[in-house]
Amino acid sequence: MTARTFIAALALACLVPLACDQAPTTHPLAPDRPSLITNGVVDQNAHPAVVLIIMDIGGQPAFRCSGTLIAPKVVLTAGHCAGEPGEFSGIRIFTESNVQDGNNN
């Protein structure tokens, strides 16, 4: 591969992701804030696949993570949220956008 071909391919690889971004940059209820951060405000059902995962140790909450429902009974989360086998005494999944006042179906 020549240097000119490599530079052209590298430039194309850098520009293609910019053309693919279709995410809105503002939230309709708070246009002055990024839509990716709700700043602690419950956004109702704006993110229906996002869940809260609580990991218990000895029956008490010890860790929390977020996850994404990828099927009705399958949650995908980060590897550091999985723990070691037997580390947690229980794991709870909250599906409501308001975990304190929702019915957490």
PDB file of N, CA and C in Angstrom:
ATOM      1  N   MET A   1       0.848  -1.168   0.000  1.00  0.00           N
ATOM      2  CA  MET A   1       0.000   0.000   0.000  1.00  0.00           C
ATOM      3  C   MET A   1       0.896   1.235   0.000  1.00  0.00           C
ATOM      4  N   THR A   2       0.602   2.139  -0.872  1.00  0.00           N
ATOM      5  CA  THR A   2       1.400   3.352  -0.938  1.00  0.00           C
ATOM      6  C   THR A   2       0.975   4.323   0.157  1.00  0.00           C
ATOM      7  N   ALA A   3       1.814   5.299   0.431  1.00  0.00           N
ATOM      8  CA  ALA A   3       1.524   6.289   1.466  1.00  0.00           C
ATOM      9  C   ALA A   3       0.275   7.084   1.101  1.00  0.00           C
ATOM     10  N   ARG A   4       0.114   7.403  -0.193  1.00  0.00           N
ATOM     11  CA  ARG A   4      -1.050   8.172  -0.609  1.00  0.00           C
ATOM     12  C   ARG A   4      -2.336   7.373  -0.386  1.00  0.00           C
ATOM     13  N   THR A   5      -2.331   6.102  -0.706  1.00  0.00           N
ATOM     14  CA  THR A   5      -3.502   5.248  -0.494  1.00  0.00           C
ATOM     15  C   THR A   5      -3.810   5.114   0.990  1.00  0.00           C
ATOM     16  N   PHE A   6      -2.754   4.936   1.786  1.00  0.00           N
ATOM     17  CA  PHE A   6      -2.946   4.801   3.234  1.00  0.00           C
ATOM     18  C   PHE A   6      -3.560   6.060   3.829  1.00  0.00           C
ATOM     19  N   ILE A   7      -3.059   7.228   3.443  1.00  0.00           N
ATOM     20  CA  ILE A   7      -3.575   8.494   3.969  1.00  0.00           C
ATOM     21  C   ILE A   7      -5.028   8.706   3.544  1.00  0.00           C
ATOM     22  N   ALA A   8      -5.347   8.360   2.299  1.00  0.00           N
ATOM     23  CA  ALA A   8      -6.726   8.500   1.818  1.00  0.00           C
ATOM     24  C   ALA A   8      -7.652   7.565   2.587  1.00  0.00           C
ATOM     25  N   ALA A   9      -7.221   6.330   2.818  1.00  0.00           N
ATOM     26  CA  ALA A   9      -8.039   5.371   3.567  1.00  0.00           C
ATOM     27  C   ALA A   9      -8.213   5.824   5.009  1.00  0.00           C
ATOM     28  N   LEU A  10      -7.174   6.338   5.620  1.00  0.00           N
ATOM     29  CA  LEU A  10      -7.248   6.826   6.993  1.00  0.00           C
ATOM     30  C   LEU A  10      -8.195   8.020   7.101  1.00  0.00           C
ATOM     31  N   ALA A  11      -8.122   8.943   6.146  1.00  0.00           N
ATOM     32  CA  ALA A  11      -9.020  10.106   6.156  1.00  0.00           C
ATOM     33  C   ALA A  11     -10.471   9.666   6.002  1.00  0.00           C
ATOM     34  N   LEU A  12     -10.732   8.719   5.125  1.00  0.00           N
ATOM     35  CA  LEU A  12     -12.077   8.211   4.936  1.00  0.00           C
ATOM     36  C   LEU A  12     -12.580   7.523   6.203  1.00  0.00           C
ATOM     37  N   ALA A  13     -11.729   6.741   6.836  1.00  0.00           N
ATOM     38  CA  ALA A  13     -12.112   6.045   8.068  1.00  0.00           C
ATOM     39  C   ALA A  13     -12.438   7.030   9.186  1.00  0.00           C
ATOM     40  N   CYS A  14     -11.787   8.156   9.209  1.00  0.00           N
ATOM     41  CA  CYS A  14     -12.052   9.173  10.233  1.00  0.00           C
ATOM     42  C   CYS A  14     -13.326   9.958   9.946  1.00  0.00           C
ATOM     43  N   LEU A  15     -13.676  10.151   8.689  1.00  0.00           N
ATOM     44  CA  LEU A  15     -14.834  10.959   8.333  1.00  0.00           C
ATOM     45  C   LEU A  15     -16.139  10.179   8.295  1.00  0.00           C
ATOM     46  N   VAL A  16     -16.099   8.900   8.008  1.00  0.00           N
ATOM     47  CA  VAL A  16     -17.320   8.098   7.903  1.00  0.00           C
ATOM     48  C   VAL A  16     -18.130   8.108   9.200  1.00  0.00           C
ATOM     49  N   PRO A  17     -17.535   7.903  10.383  1.00  0.00           N
ATOM     50  CA  PRO A  17     -18.358   7.929  11.598  1.00  0.00           C
ATOM     51  C   PRO A  17     -19.080   9.257  11.817  1.00  0.00           C
ATOM     52  N   LEU A  18     -18.513  10.359  11.369  1.00  0.00           N
ATOM     53  CA  LEU A  18     -19.170  11.653  11.524  1.00  0.00           C
ATOM     54  C   LEU A  18     -20.449  11.727  10.706  1.00  0.00           C
ATOM     55  N   ALA A  19     -20.462  11.089   9.564  1.00  0.00           N
ATOM     56  CA  ALA A  19     -21.644  11.098   8.711  1.00  0.00           C
ATOM     57  C   ALA A  19     -22.731  10.167   9.223  1.00  0.00           C
ATOM     58  N   CYS A  20     -22.386   9.209  10.082  1.00  0.00           N
ATOM     59  CA  CYS A  20     -23.339   8.221  10.575  1.00  0.00           C
ATOM     60  C   CYS A  20     -24.074   8.673  11.826  1.00  0.00           C
ATOM     61  N   ASP A  21     -23.638   9.709  12.472  1.00  0.00           N
ATOM     62  CA  ASP A  21     -24.236  10.134  13.732  1.00  0.00           C
ATOM     63  C   ASP A  21     -25.603  10.760  13.481  1.00  0.00           C
ATOM     64  N   GLN A  22     -26.653  10.077  13.923  1.00  0.00           N
ATOM     65  CA  GLN A  22     -28.008  10.586  13.773  1.00  0.00           C
ATOM     66  C   GLN A  22     -28.654  10.877  15.117  1.00  0.00           C
ATOM     67  N   ALA A  23     -27.908  10.781  16.228  1.00  0.00           N
ATOM     68  CA  ALA A  23     -28.469  10.999  17.558  1.00  0.00           C
ATOM     69  C   ALA A  23     -28.803  12.467  17.757  1.00  0.00           C
ATOM     70  N   PRO A  24     -29.974  12.741  18.344  1.00  0.00           N
ATOM     71  CA  PRO A  24     -30.303  14.137  18.616  1.00  0.00           C
ATOM     72  C   PRO A  24     -29.358  14.711  19.664  1.00  0.00           C
ATOM     73  N   THR A  25     -29.082  15.976  19.567  1.00  0.00           N
ATOM     74  CA  THR A  25     -28.165  16.590  20.523  1.00  0.00           C
ATOM     75  C   THR A  25     -28.888  17.292  21.652  1.00  0.00           C
ATOM     76  N   THR A  26     -30.202  17.396  21.551  1.00  0.00           N
ATOM     77  CA  THR A  26     -30.956  18.050  22.620  1.00  0.00           C
ATOM     78  C   THR A  26     -32.162  17.211  23.007  1.00  0.00           C
ATOM     79  N   HIS A  27     -32.605  17.372  24.229  1.00  0.00           N
ATOM     80  CA  HIS A  27     -33.788  16.704  24.739  1.00  0.00           C
ATOM     81  C   HIS A  27     -34.970  17.645  24.513  1.00  0.00           C
ATOM     82  N   PRO A  28     -36.130  17.134  24.056  1.00  0.00           N
ATOM     83  CA  PRO A  28     -37.239  18.037  23.761  1.00  0.00           C
ATOM     84  C   PRO A  28     -37.742  18.808  24.985  1.00  0.00           C
ATOM     85  N   LEU A  29     -37.574  18.258  26.188  1.00  0.00           N
ATOM     86  CA  LEU A  29     -38.035  18.950  27.385  1.00  0.00           C
ATOM     87  C   LEU A  29     -36.981  19.887  27.960  1.00  0.00           C
ATOM     88  N   ALA A  30     -35.727  19.694  27.575  1.00  0.00           N
ATOM     89  CA  ALA A  30     -34.639  20.544  28.077  1.00  0.00           C
ATOM     90  C   ALA A  30     -33.669  20.814  26.932  1.00  0.00           C
ATOM     91  N   PRO A  31     -34.036  21.694  25.991  1.00  0.00           N
ATOM     92  CA  PRO A  31     -33.203  21.898  24.807  1.00  0.00           C
ATOM     93  C   PRO A  31     -31.824  22.458  25.097  1.00  0.00           C
ATOM     94  N   ASP A  32     -31.602  23.007  26.292  1.00  0.00           N
ATOM     95  CA  ASP A  32     -30.287  23.547  26.613  1.00  0.00           C
ATOM     96  C   ASP A  32     -29.366  22.495  27.226  1.00  0.00           C
ATOM     97  N   ARG A  33     -29.845  21.259  27.382  1.00  0.00           N
ATOM     98  CA  ARG A  33     -29.032  20.191  27.967  1.00  0.00           C
ATOM     99  C   ARG A  33     -28.879  19.048  26.971  1.00  0.00           C
ATOM    100  N   PRO A  34     -27.755  18.317  27.032  1.00  0.00           N
ATOM    101  CA  PRO A  34     -27.579  17.165  26.144  1.00  0.00           C
ATOM    102  C   PRO A  34     -28.611  16.089  26.441  1.00  0.00           C
ATOM    103  N   SER A  35     -29.102  15.412  25.408  1.00  0.00           N
ATOM    104  CA  SER A  35     -30.109  14.382  25.590  1.00  0.00           C
ATOM    105  C   SER A  35     -29.534  13.126  26.236  1.00  0.00           C
ATOM    106  N   LEU A  36     -28.224  12.956  26.188  1.00  0.00           N
ATOM    107  CA  LEU A  36     -27.624  11.754  26.742  1.00  0.00           C
ATOM    108  C   LEU A  36     -27.560  11.791  28.261  1.00  0.00           C
ATOM    109  N   ILE A  37     -27.774  12.943  28.871  1.00  0.00           N
ATOM    110  CA  ILE A  37     -27.724  13.085  30.323  1.00  0.00           C
ATOM    111  C   ILE A  37     -29.022  13.735  30.765  1.00  0.00           C
ATOM    112  N   THR A  38     -29.739  13.096  31.684  1.00  0.00           N
ATOM    113  CA  THR A  38     -31.010  13.667  32.124  1.00  0.00           C
ATOM    114  C   THR A  38     -30.855  14.443  33.417  1.00  0.00           C
ATOM    115  N   ASN A  39     -29.641  14.551  33.943  1.00  0.00           N
ATOM    116  CA  ASN A  39     -29.371  15.355  35.139  1.00  0.00           C
ATOM    117  C   ASN A  39     -30.277  15.017  36.315  1.00  0.00           C
ATOM    118  N   GLY A  40     -30.542  13.728  36.500  1.00  0.00           N
ATOM    119  CA  GLY A  40     -31.331  13.298  37.645  1.00  0.00           C
ATOM    120  C   GLY A  40     -32.820  13.431  37.479  1.00  0.00           C
ATOM    121  N   VAL A  41     -33.291  13.850  36.311  1.00  0.00           N
ATOM    122  CA  VAL A  41     -34.723  14.003  36.078  1.00  0.00           C
ATOM    123  C   VAL A  41     -35.251  12.732  35.422  1.00  0.00           C
ATOM    124  N   VAL A  42     -36.331  12.175  35.992  1.00  0.00           N
ATOM    125  CA  VAL A  42     -36.933  10.981  35.411  1.00  0.00           C
ATOM    126  C   VAL A  42     -37.454  11.325  34.029  1.00  0.00           C
ATOM    127  N   ASP A  43     -37.059  10.538  33.034  1.00  0.00           N
ATOM    128  CA  ASP A  43     -37.450  10.843  31.654  1.00  0.00           C
ATOM    129  C   ASP A  43     -38.598   9.966  31.167  1.00  0.00           C
ATOM    130  N   GLN A  44     -39.385   9.468  32.096  1.00  0.00           N
ATOM    131  CA  GLN A  44     -40.539   8.605  31.792  1.00  0.00           C
ATOM    132  C   GLN A  44     -40.073   7.410  30.976  1.00  0.00           C
ATOM    133  N   ASN A  45     -40.573   7.200  29.783  1.00  0.00           N
ATOM    134  CA  ASN A  45     -40.222   6.022  28.987  1.00  0.00           C
ATOM    135  C   ASN A  45     -39.329   6.368  27.805  1.00  0.00           C
ATOM    136  N   ALA A  46     -38.494   7.385  27.941  1.00  0.00           N
ATOM    137  CA  ALA A  46     -37.621   7.779  26.839  1.00  0.00           C
ATOM    138  C   ALA A  46     -36.531   6.745  26.564  1.00  0.00           C
ATOM    139  N   HIS A  47     -36.223   5.900  27.533  1.00  0.00           N
ATOM    140  CA  HIS A  47     -35.208   4.854  27.370  1.00  0.00           C
ATOM    141  C   HIS A  47     -35.777   3.535  27.902  1.00  0.00           C
ATOM    142  N   PRO A  48     -36.745   2.926  27.213  1.00  0.00           N
ATOM    143  CA  PRO A  48     -37.459   1.770  27.758  1.00  0.00           C
ATOM    144  C   PRO A  48     -36.616   0.520  27.943  1.00  0.00           C
ATOM    145  N   ALA A  49     -35.497   0.395  27.274  1.00  0.00           N
ATOM    146  CA  ALA A  49     -34.682  -0.817  27.399  1.00  0.00           C
ATOM    147  C   ALA A  49     -33.624  -0.712  28.492  1.00  0.00           C
ATOM    148  N   VAL A  50     -33.466   0.460  29.113  1.00  0.00           N
ATOM    149  CA  VAL A  50     -32.454   0.640  30.152  1.00  0.00           C
ATOM    150  C   VAL A  50     -33.009   0.170  31.488  1.00  0.00           C
ATOM    151  N   VAL A  51     -32.206  -0.611  32.220  1.00  0.00           N
ATOM    152  CA  VAL A  51     -32.620  -1.130  33.517  1.00  0.00           C
ATOM    153  C   VAL A  51     -31.574  -0.793  34.573  1.00  0.00           C
ATOM    154  N   LEU A  52     -32.000  -0.834  35.824  1.00  0.00           N
ATOM    155  CA  LEU A  52     -31.097  -0.680  36.964  1.00  0.00           C
ATOM    156  C   LEU A  52     -30.847  -2.065  37.534  1.00  0.00           C
ATOM    157  N   ILE A  53     -29.591  -2.400  37.768  1.00  0.00           N
ATOM    158  CA  ILE A  53     -29.215  -3.696  38.331  1.00  0.00           C
ATOM    159  C   ILE A  53     -28.642  -3.445  39.718  1.00  0.00           C
ATOM    160  N   ILE A  54     -29.214  -4.093  40.725  1.00  0.00           N
ATOM    161  CA  ILE A  54     -28.714  -4.004  42.098  1.00  0.00           C
ATOM    162  C   ILE A  54     -28.168  -5.375  42.475  1.00  0.00           C
ATOM    163  N   MET A  55     -26.908  -5.424  42.894  1.00  0.00           N
ATOM    164  CA  MET A  55     -26.287  -6.661  43.334  1.00  0.00           C
ATOM    165  C   MET A  55     -26.205  -6.646  44.858  1.00  0.00           C
ATOM    166  N   ASP A  56     -26.741  -7.702  45.476  1.00  0.00           N
ATOM    167  CA  ASP A  56     -26.750  -7.816  46.932  1.00  0.00           C
ATOM    168  C   ASP A  56     -25.627  -8.728  47.404  1.00  0.00           C
ATOM    169  N   ILE A  57     -25.091  -8.402  48.568  1.00  0.00           N
ATOM    170  CA  ILE A  57     -24.147  -9.280  49.277  1.00  0.00           C
ATOM    171  C   ILE A  57     -24.720  -9.467  50.673  1.00  0.00           C
ATOM    172  N   GLY A  58     -24.963 -10.714  51.047  1.00  0.00           N
ATOM    173  CA  GLY A  58     -25.552 -10.993  52.351  1.00  0.00           C
ATOM    174  C   GLY A  58     -26.947 -10.399  52.484  1.00  0.00           C
ATOM    175  N   GLY A  59     -27.678 -10.306  51.375  1.00  0.00           N
ATOM    176  CA  GLY A  59     -29.030  -9.777  51.398  1.00  0.00           C
ATOM    177  C   GLY A  59     -29.120  -8.264  51.443  1.00  0.00           C
ATOM    178  N   GLN A  60     -27.996  -7.559  51.383  1.00  0.00           N
ATOM    179  CA  GLN A  60     -27.983  -6.097  51.423  1.00  0.00           C
ATOM    180  C   GLN A  60     -27.428  -5.547  50.111  1.00  0.00           C
ATOM    181  N   PRO A  61     -28.007  -4.438  49.609  1.00  0.00           N
ATOM    182  CA  PRO A  61     -27.483  -3.842  48.369  1.00  0.00           C
ATOM    183  C   PRO A  61     -26.019  -3.444  48.530  1.00  0.00           C
ATOM    184  N   ALA A  62     -25.194  -3.857  47.574  1.00  0.00           N
ATOM    185  CA  ALA A  62     -23.769  -3.558  47.655  1.00  0.00           C
ATOM    186  C   ALA A  62     -23.260  -2.800  46.426  1.00  0.00           C
ATOM    187  N   PHE A  63     -23.785  -3.123  45.255  1.00  0.00           N
ATOM    188  CA  PHE A  63     -23.333  -2.502  44.017  1.00  0.00           C
ATOM    189  C   PHE A  63     -24.534  -2.225  43.129  1.00  0.00           C
ATOM    190  N   ARG A  64     -24.376  -1.256  42.218  1.00  0.00           N
ATOM    191  CA  ARG A  64     -25.411  -0.992  41.226  1.00  0.00           C
ATOM    192  C   ARG A  64     -24.761  -0.729  39.874  1.00  0.00           C
ATOM    193  N   CYS A  65     -25.465  -1.096  38.834  1.00  0.00           N
ATOM    194  CA  CYS A  65     -25.021  -0.884  37.459  1.00  0.00           C
ATOM    195  C   CYS A  65     -26.253  -0.656  36.598  1.00  0.00           C
ATOM    196  N   SER A  66     -26.024  -0.159  35.416  1.00  0.00           N
ATOM    197  CA  SER A  66     -27.109  -0.086  34.444  1.00  0.00           C
ATOM    198  C   SER A  66     -26.959  -1.242  33.481  1.00  0.00           C
ATOM    199  N   GLY A  67     -28.022  -1.538  32.785  1.00  0.00           N
ATOM    200  CA  GLY A  67     -28.006  -2.594  31.797  1.00  0.00           C
ATOM    201  C   GLY A  67     -29.002  -2.274  30.703  1.00  0.00           C
ATOM    202  N   THR A  68     -29.024  -3.097  29.668  1.00  0.00           N
ATOM    203  CA  THR A  68     -29.942  -2.926  28.555  1.00  0.00           C
ATOM    204  C   THR A  68     -30.652  -4.242  28.303  1.00  0.00           C
ATOM    205  N   LEU A  69     -31.988  -4.194  28.242  1.00  0.00           N
ATOM    206  CA  LEU A  69     -32.757  -5.388  27.883  1.00  0.00           C
ATOM    207  C   LEU A  69     -32.538  -5.663  26.402  1.00  0.00           C
ATOM    208  N   ILE A  70     -32.007  -6.843  26.085  1.00  0.00           N
ATOM    209  CA  ILE A  70     -31.828  -7.208  24.679  1.00  0.00           C
ATOM    210  C   ILE A  70     -32.829  -8.276  24.262  1.00  0.00           C
ATOM    211  N   ALA A  71     -33.570  -8.802  25.216  1.00  0.00           N
ATOM    212  CA  ALA A  71     -34.673  -9.749  25.012  1.00  0.00           C
ATOM    213  C   ALA A  71     -35.535  -9.634  26.260  1.00  0.00           C
ATOM    214  N   PRO A  72     -36.769 -10.157  26.244  1.00  0.00           N
ATOM    215  CA  PRO A  72     -37.642  -9.990  27.410  1.00  0.00           C
ATOM    216  C   PRO A  72     -37.039 -10.441  28.742  1.00  0.00           C
ATOM    217  N   LYS A  73     -36.157 -11.430  28.720  1.00  0.00           N
ATOM    218  CA  LYS A  73     -35.565 -11.911  29.971  1.00  0.00           C
ATOM    219  C   LYS A  73     -34.042 -11.952  29.921  1.00  0.00           C
ATOM    220  N   VAL A  74     -33.433 -11.118  29.061  1.00  0.00           N
ATOM    221  CA  VAL A  74     -31.975 -11.087  28.927  1.00  0.00           C
ATOM    222  C   VAL A  74     -31.499  -9.645  29.059  1.00  0.00           C
ATOM    223  N   VAL A  75     -30.551  -9.415  29.998  1.00  0.00           N
ATOM    224  CA  VAL A  75     -29.985  -8.088  30.231  1.00  0.00           C
ATOM    225  C   VAL A  75     -28.504  -8.119  29.873  1.00  0.00           C
ATOM    226  N   LEU A  76     -28.064  -7.116  29.120  1.00  0.00           N
ATOM    227  CA  LEU A  76     -26.652  -6.955  28.782  1.00  0.00           C
ATOM    228  C   LEU A  76     -26.101  -5.832  29.650  1.00  0.00           C
ATOM    229  N   THR A  77     -24.970  -6.098  30.310  1.00  0.00           N
ATOM    230  CA  THR A  77     -24.343  -5.079  31.149  1.00  0.00           C
ATOM    231  C   THR A  77     -22.834  -5.173  30.985  1.00  0.00           C
ATOM    232  N   ALA A  78     -22.113  -4.273  31.612  1.00  0.00           N
ATOM    233  CA  ALA A  78     -20.651  -4.261  31.529  1.00  0.00           C
ATOM    234  C   ALA A  78     -20.065  -5.452  32.284  1.00  0.00           C
ATOM    235  N   GLY A  79     -18.906  -5.887  31.860  1.00  0.00           N
ATOM    236  CA  GLY A  79     -18.251  -7.029  32.494  1.00  0.00           C
ATOM    237  C   GLY A  79     -17.948  -6.806  33.963  1.00  0.00           C
ATOM    238  N   HIS A  80     -17.616  -5.567  34.354  1.00  0.00           N
ATOM    239  CA  HIS A  80     -17.288  -5.325  35.754  1.00  0.00           C
ATOM    240  C   HIS A  80     -18.527  -5.400  36.652  1.00  0.00           C
ATOM    241  N   CYS A  81     -19.710  -5.471  36.054  1.00  0.00           N
ATOM    242  CA  CYS A  81     -20.942  -5.607  36.845  1.00  0.00           C
ATOM    243  C   CYS A  81     -21.288  -7.061  37.124  1.00  0.00           C
ATOM    244  N   ALA A  82     -20.638  -7.985  36.451  1.00  0.00           N
ATOM    245  CA  ALA A  82     -21.000  -9.396  36.568  1.00  0.00           C
ATOM    246  C   ALA A  82     -20.487 -10.040  37.855  1.00  0.00           C
ATOM    247  N   GLY A  83     -19.332  -9.629  38.348  1.00  0.00           N
ATOM    248  CA  GLY A  83     -18.784 -10.210  39.570  1.00  0.00           C
ATOM    249  C   GLY A  83     -18.253 -11.610  39.347  1.00  0.00           C
ATOM    250  N   GLU A  84     -17.735 -12.178  40.418  1.00  0.00           N
ATOM    251  CA  GLU A  84     -17.212 -13.544  40.393  1.00  0.00           C
ATOM    252  C   GLU A  84     -18.335 -14.515  40.749  1.00  0.00           C
ATOM    253  N   PRO A  85     -18.257 -15.775  40.320  1.00  0.00           N
ATOM    254  CA  PRO A  85     -19.290 -16.744  40.687  1.00  0.00           C
ATOM    255  C   PRO A  85     -19.453 -16.820  42.211  1.00  0.00           C
ATOM    256  N   GLY A  86     -20.685 -16.679  42.672  1.00  0.00           N
ATOM    257  CA  GLY A  86     -20.977 -16.749  44.097  1.00  0.00           C
ATOM    258  C   GLY A  86     -20.730 -15.466  44.868  1.00  0.00           C
ATOM    259  N   GLU A  87     -20.262 -14.413  44.215  1.00  0.00           N
ATOM    260  CA  GLU A  87     -19.955 -13.163  44.908  1.00  0.00           C
ATOM    261  C   GLU A  87     -21.213 -12.487  45.439  1.00  0.00           C
ATOM    262  N   PHE A  88     -22.314 -12.571  44.696  1.00  0.00           N
ATOM    263  CA  PHE A  88     -23.535 -11.880  45.094  1.00  0.00           C
ATOM    264  C   PHE A  88     -24.559 -12.870  45.636  1.00  0.00           C
ATOM    265  N   SER A  89     -25.276 -12.441  46.675  1.00  0.00           N
ATOM    266  CA  SER A  89     -26.341 -13.294  47.231  1.00  0.00           C
ATOM    267  C   SER A  89     -27.638 -13.112  46.453  1.00  0.00           C
ATOM    268  N   GLY A  90     -27.721 -12.056  45.672  1.00  0.00           N
ATOM    269  CA  GLY A  90     -28.896 -11.815  44.848  1.00  0.00           C
ATOM    270  C   GLY A  90     -28.657 -10.674  43.888  1.00  0.00           C
ATOM    271  N   ILE A  91     -29.410 -10.675  42.813  1.00  0.00           N
ATOM    272  CA  ILE A  91     -29.347  -9.604  41.828  1.00  0.00           C
ATOM    273  C   ILE A  91     -30.780  -9.219  41.497  1.00  0.00           C
ATOM    274  N   ARG A  92     -31.067  -7.925  41.566  1.00  0.00           N
ATOM    275  CA  ARG A  92     -32.410  -7.424  41.260  1.00  0.00           C
ATOM    276  C   ARG A  92     -32.341  -6.513  40.042  1.00  0.00           C
ATOM    277  N   ILE A  93     -33.340  -6.630  39.180  1.00  0.00           N
ATOM    278  CA  ILE A  93     -33.421  -5.824  37.972  1.00  0.00           C
ATOM    279  C   ILE A  93     -34.660  -4.927  38.085  1.00  0.00           C
ATOM    280  N   PHE A  94     -34.468  -3.619  37.965  1.00  0.00           N
ATOM    281  CA  PHE A  94     -35.563  -2.665  38.006  1.00  0.00           C
ATOM    282  C   PHE A  94     -35.800  -2.144  36.595  1.00  0.00           C
ATOM    283  N   THR A  95     -37.026  -2.274  36.123  1.00  0.00           N
ATOM    284  CA  THR A  95     -37.349  -1.894  34.750  1.00  0.00           C
ATOM    285  C   THR A  95     -38.066  -0.560  34.647  1.00  0.00           C
ATOM    286  N   GLU A  96     -38.536  -0.021  35.744  1.00  0.00           N
ATOM    287  CA  GLU A  96     -39.265   1.241  35.714  1.00  0.00           C
ATOM    288  C   GLU A  96     -38.313   2.425  35.611  1.00  0.00           C
ATOM    289  N   SER A  97     -38.750   3.509  34.978  1.00  0.00           N
ATOM    290  CA  SER A  97     -37.919   4.697  34.895  1.00  0.00           C
ATOM    291  C   SER A  97     -37.826   5.388  36.250  1.00  0.00           C
ATOM    292  N   ASN A  98     -38.813   5.195  37.126  1.00  0.00           N
ATOM    293  CA  ASN A  98     -38.797   5.755  38.475  1.00  0.00           C
ATOM    294  C   ASN A  98     -38.785   4.600  39.459  1.00  0.00           C
ATOM    295  N   VAL A  99     -37.602   4.166  39.878  1.00  0.00           N
ATOM    296  CA  VAL A  99     -37.492   2.960  40.704  1.00  0.00           C
ATOM    297  C   VAL A  99     -38.037   3.157  42.111  1.00  0.00           C
ATOM    298  N   GLN A 100     -38.153   4.390  42.563  1.00  0.00           N
ATOM    299  CA  GLN A 100     -38.668   4.631  43.915  1.00  0.00           C
ATOM    300  C   GLN A 100     -40.181   4.617  43.956  1.00  0.00           C
ATOM    301  N   ASP A 101     -40.837   5.080  42.899  1.00  0.00           N
ATOM    302  CA  ASP A 101     -42.288   5.178  42.913  1.00  0.00           C
ATOM    303  C   ASP A 101     -42.981   4.303  41.874  1.00  0.00           C
ATOM    304  N   GLY A 102     -42.230   3.590  41.049  1.00  0.00           N
ATOM    305  CA  GLY A 102     -42.838   2.746  40.020  1.00  0.00           C
ATOM    306  C   GLY A 102     -43.239   1.382  40.578  1.00  0.00           C
ATOM    307  N   ASN A 103     -43.875   0.555  39.749  1.00  0.00           N
ATOM    308  CA  ASN A 103     -44.268  -0.764  40.208  1.00  0.00           C
ATOM    309  C   ASN A 103     -43.229  -1.831  39.887  1.00  0.00           C
ATOM    310  N   ASN A 104     -42.153  -1.452  39.189  1.00  0.00           N
ATOM    311  CA  ASN A 104     -41.019  -2.336  38.888  1.00  0.00           C
ATOM    312  C   ASN A 104     -41.452  -3.715  38.428  1.00  0.00           C
ATOM    313  N   ASN A 105     -42.139  -3.706  37.312  1.00  0.00           N
ATOM    314  CA  ASN A 105     -42.628  -4.951  36.747  1.00  0.00           C
ATOM    315  C   ASN A 105     -41.497  -5.831  36.275  1.00  0.00           C
TER     316      ASN A 105
END
